[in-house]
Amino acid sequence: QVQLLESGGGLVQAGASLRLSCAISGRTSGENRMGWFRQAPVKEREFVAAISWSGVSANYADSLSGRFTISRDNAKNTVYLQMNSLTPEDTAVYYCAAGRYKSPSPAAYTYWGQGTQVTVSS
């Protein structure tokens, strides 16, 4: 069983930066690939970024235009999402997830955190 706990969300102005953290605890059965997703009101949950266990391989949603960076520190059992040049369109609940496969689909991820709210004002 794996537990994921996100932190670092908040209310910021457009153009600001935030770094989200996801603390990982428990034992995995191969769900070592970590992803970040987000869900805005009345919208479907969408893929943001994912990273392999080693941290060497990462992929991002095309819509982010290089503003976000995913990273991980396995010694601290933590995954990060650095978000720069935030816009009001980035407002959403951000979720951390753990899975086995490289996929942008939420269905590919087994474990989920409870989410952290990010609100960007104009």
C-alpha atoms as a PDB file:
ATOM      1  CA  GLN A   1       0.000   0.000   0.000  1.00  0.00           C
ATOM      2  CA  VAL A   2       1.282   3.447  -0.916  1.00  0.00           C
ATOM      3  CA  GLN A   3       0.265   6.750   0.630  1.00  0.00           C
ATOM      4  CA  LEU A   4       0.806  10.065  -1.137  1.00  0.00           C
ATOM      5  CA  LEU A   5       0.571  13.456   0.509  1.00  0.00           C
ATOM      6  CA  GLU A   6       0.743  16.659  -1.506  1.00  0.00           C
ATOM      7  CA  SER A   7       1.706  20.054  -0.136  1.00  0.00           C
ATOM      8  CA  GLY A   8       2.778  23.469  -1.363  1.00  0.00           C
ATOM      9  CA  GLY A   9      -0.408  24.748  -2.946  1.00  0.00           C
ATOM     10  CA  GLY A  10      -1.820  28.177  -2.285  1.00  0.00           C
ATOM     11  CA  LEU A  11      -3.041  31.476  -3.667  1.00  0.00           C
ATOM     12  CA  VAL A  12      -0.614  33.407  -5.857  1.00  0.00           C
ATOM     13  CA  GLN A  13      -0.739  36.170  -8.435  1.00  0.00           C
ATOM     14  CA  ALA A  14      -0.250  35.625 -12.139  1.00  0.00           C
ATOM     15  CA  GLY A  15       3.413  35.345 -13.037  1.00  0.00           C
ATOM     16  CA  ALA A  16       4.415  33.835  -9.712  1.00  0.00           C
ATOM     17  CA  SER A  17       5.999  30.456  -9.048  1.00  0.00           C
ATOM     18  CA  LEU A  18       5.084  27.588  -6.746  1.00  0.00           C
ATOM     19  CA  ARG A  19       6.707  24.303  -5.903  1.00  0.00           C
ATOM     20  CA  LEU A  20       4.479  21.388  -5.016  1.00  0.00           C
ATOM     21  CA  SER A  21       5.758  18.422  -3.060  1.00  0.00           C
ATOM     22  CA  CYS A  22       4.453  14.886  -2.837  1.00  0.00           C
ATOM     23  CA  ALA A  23       5.625  12.764   0.075  1.00  0.00           C
ATOM     24  CA  ILE A  24       5.569   9.030  -0.639  1.00  0.00           C
ATOM     25  CA  SER A  25       5.207   6.419   2.103  1.00  0.00           C
ATOM     26  CA  GLY A  26       4.502   2.714   2.199  1.00  0.00           C
ATOM     27  CA  ARG A  27       5.648  -0.124  -0.020  1.00  0.00           C
ATOM     28  CA  THR A  28       5.060  -0.321  -3.758  1.00  0.00           C
ATOM     29  CA  SER A  29       4.635  -3.385  -5.930  1.00  0.00           C
ATOM     30  CA  GLY A  30       6.288  -1.736  -8.890  1.00  0.00           C
ATOM     31  CA  GLU A  31       4.283   1.499  -8.916  1.00  0.00           C
ATOM     32  CA  ASN A  32       7.404   3.575  -9.149  1.00  0.00           C
ATOM     33  CA  ARG A  33       6.455   5.969 -11.872  1.00  0.00           C
ATOM     34  CA  MET A  34       5.152   9.221 -10.423  1.00  0.00           C
ATOM     35  CA  GLY A  35       2.836  11.686 -12.055  1.00  0.00           C
ATOM     36  CA  TRP A  36       1.147  14.995 -11.443  1.00  0.00           C
ATOM     37  CA  PHE A  37      -2.378  15.670 -12.627  1.00  0.00           C
ATOM     38  CA  ARG A  38      -4.729  18.583 -12.153  1.00  0.00           C
ATOM     39  CA  GLN A  39      -8.447  19.106 -12.163  1.00  0.00           C
ATOM     40  CA  ALA A  40     -10.204  22.441 -12.515  1.00  0.00           C
ATOM     41  CA  PRO A  41     -13.894  22.903 -11.638  1.00  0.00           C
ATOM     42  CA  VAL A  42     -16.249  21.212 -14.103  1.00  0.00           C
ATOM     43  CA  LYS A  43     -13.288  19.844 -16.089  1.00  0.00           C
ATOM     44  CA  GLU A  44     -11.814  16.384 -16.379  1.00  0.00           C
ATOM     45  CA  ARG A  45      -8.611  15.466 -14.607  1.00  0.00           C
ATOM     46  CA  GLU A  46      -5.712  16.169 -16.930  1.00  0.00           C
ATOM     47  CA  PHE A  47      -2.123  15.031 -17.143  1.00  0.00           C
ATOM     48  CA  VAL A  48       0.577  17.513 -16.165  1.00  0.00           C
ATOM     49  CA  ALA A  49       3.868  15.610 -15.915  1.00  0.00           C
ATOM     50  CA  ALA A  50       5.383  12.250 -15.052  1.00  0.00           C
ATOM     51  CA  ILE A  51       8.797  10.946 -14.092  1.00  0.00           C
ATOM     52  CA  SER A  52      10.474   7.554 -13.996  1.00  0.00           C
ATOM     53  CA  TRP A  53      11.849   5.974 -10.858  1.00  0.00           C
ATOM     54  CA  SER A  54      15.401   6.998 -11.717  1.00  0.00           C
ATOM     55  CA  GLY A  55      14.390  10.532 -12.583  1.00  0.00           C
ATOM     56  CA  VAL A  56      16.108  10.297 -15.947  1.00  0.00           C
ATOM     57  CA  SER A  57      12.925  10.149 -17.998  1.00  0.00           C
ATOM     58  CA  ALA A  58      10.246  12.826 -17.682  1.00  0.00           C
ATOM     59  CA  ASN A  59       7.381  13.876 -19.897  1.00  0.00           C
ATOM     60  CA  TYR A  60       4.996  16.798 -19.871  1.00  0.00           C
ATOM     61  CA  ALA A  61       1.681  17.960 -21.214  1.00  0.00           C
ATOM     62  CA  ASP A  62       2.251  19.903 -24.424  1.00  0.00           C
ATOM     63  CA  SER A  63       0.069  22.763 -23.178  1.00  0.00           C
ATOM     64  CA  LEU A  64       2.511  23.706 -20.411  1.00  0.00           C
ATOM     65  CA  SER A  65       4.998  25.324 -22.808  1.00  0.00           C
ATOM     66  CA  GLY A  66       7.965  24.361 -20.641  1.00  0.00           C
ATOM     67  CA  ARG A  67       6.811  26.270 -17.562  1.00  0.00           C
ATOM     68  CA  PHE A  68       6.654  23.243 -15.244  1.00  0.00           C
ATOM     69  CA  THR A  69       9.421  20.874 -14.149  1.00  0.00           C
ATOM     70  CA  ILE A  70       8.959  17.532 -12.394  1.00  0.00           C
ATOM     71  CA  SER A  71      11.736  16.046 -10.281  1.00  0.00           C
ATOM     72  CA  ARG A  72      12.185  13.511  -7.512  1.00  0.00           C
ATOM     73  CA  ASP A  73      14.476  12.824  -4.595  1.00  0.00           C
ATOM     74  CA  ASN A  74      14.294   9.116  -3.825  1.00  0.00           C
ATOM     75  CA  ALA A  75      16.390   9.547  -0.689  1.00  0.00           C
ATOM     76  CA  LYS A  76      13.610  11.755   0.670  1.00  0.00           C
ATOM     77  CA  ASN A  77      10.781   9.773  -0.970  1.00  0.00           C
ATOM     78  CA  THR A  78       9.498  12.999  -2.454  1.00  0.00           C
ATOM     79  CA  VAL A  79       8.416  14.158  -5.876  1.00  0.00           C
ATOM     80  CA  TYR A  80       8.285  17.828  -6.807  1.00  0.00           C
ATOM     81  CA  LEU A  81       6.523  19.977  -9.362  1.00  0.00           C
ATOM     82  CA  GLN A  82       8.116  23.355  -9.960  1.00  0.00           C
ATOM     83  CA  MET A  83       5.601  25.685 -11.586  1.00  0.00           C
ATOM     84  CA  ASN A  84       6.723  28.988 -13.093  1.00  0.00           C
ATOM     85  CA  SER A  85       4.950  31.875 -14.834  1.00  0.00           C
ATOM     86  CA  LEU A  86       1.609  30.764 -13.443  1.00  0.00           C
ATOM     87  CA  THR A  87      -1.581  31.991 -15.101  1.00  0.00           C
ATOM     88  CA  PRO A  88      -5.214  31.902 -13.925  1.00  0.00           C
ATOM     89  CA  GLU A  89      -5.689  28.942 -16.308  1.00  0.00           C
ATOM     90  CA  ASP A  90      -3.409  26.924 -14.019  1.00  0.00           C
ATOM     91  CA  THR A  91      -5.937  27.175 -11.194  1.00  0.00           C
ATOM     92  CA  ALA A  92      -6.898  23.640 -10.178  1.00  0.00           C
ATOM     93  CA  VAL A  93      -6.503  20.947  -7.587  1.00  0.00           C
ATOM     94  CA  TYR A  94      -3.175  19.250  -8.222  1.00  0.00           C
ATOM     95  CA  TYR A  95      -2.851  15.536  -7.546  1.00  0.00           C
ATOM     96  CA  CYS A  96       0.162  13.306  -7.160  1.00  0.00           C
ATOM     97  CA  ALA A  97      -0.160   9.723  -8.404  1.00  0.00           C
ATOM     98  CA  ALA A  98       1.897   6.538  -8.524  1.00  0.00           C
ATOM     99  CA  GLY A  99       1.723   3.911 -11.250  1.00  0.00           C
ATOM    100  CA  ARG A 100       3.611   1.309 -13.241  1.00  0.00           C
ATOM    101  CA  TYR A 101       3.402   2.574 -16.797  1.00  0.00           C
ATOM    102  CA  LYS A 102       4.352   5.575 -18.872  1.00  0.00           C
ATOM    103  CA  SER A 103       0.966   7.024 -19.736  1.00  0.00           C
ATOM    104  CA  PRO A 104      -0.867  10.383 -19.588  1.00  0.00           C
ATOM    105  CA  SER A 105      -4.067   8.601 -18.635  1.00  0.00           C
ATOM    106  CA  PRO A 106      -5.237   8.796 -15.026  1.00  0.00           C
ATOM    107  CA  ALA A 107      -6.399   5.200 -15.401  1.00  0.00           C
ATOM    108  CA  ALA A 108      -2.757   4.074 -15.576  1.00  0.00           C
ATOM    109  CA  TYR A 109      -2.073   5.240 -12.017  1.00  0.00           C
ATOM    110  CA  THR A 110      -2.921   3.123  -8.993  1.00  0.00           C
ATOM    111  CA  TYR A 111      -2.398   5.385  -6.016  1.00  0.00           C
ATOM    112  CA  TRP A 112      -3.487   8.993  -5.555  1.00  0.00           C
ATOM    113  CA  GLY A 113      -3.023  11.733  -3.028  1.00  0.00           C
ATOM    114  CA  GLN A 114      -5.845  13.895  -1.756  1.00  0.00           C
ATOM    115  CA  GLY A 115      -4.751  16.909  -3.803  1.00  0.00           C
ATOM    116  CA  THR A 116      -3.582  20.435  -3.088  1.00  0.00           C
ATOM    117  CA  GLN A 117      -5.355  23.564  -4.296  1.00  0.00           C
ATOM    118  CA  VAL A 118      -3.517  26.030  -6.494  1.00  0.00           C
ATOM    119  CA  THR A 119      -5.277  29.312  -7.195  1.00  0.00           C
ATOM    120  CA  VAL A 120      -3.778  31.940  -9.480  1.00  0.00           C
ATOM    121  CA  SER A 121      -5.319  35.397  -9.446  1.00  0.00           C
ATOM    122  CA  SER A 122      -5.105  37.822 -12.354  1.00  0.00           C
END
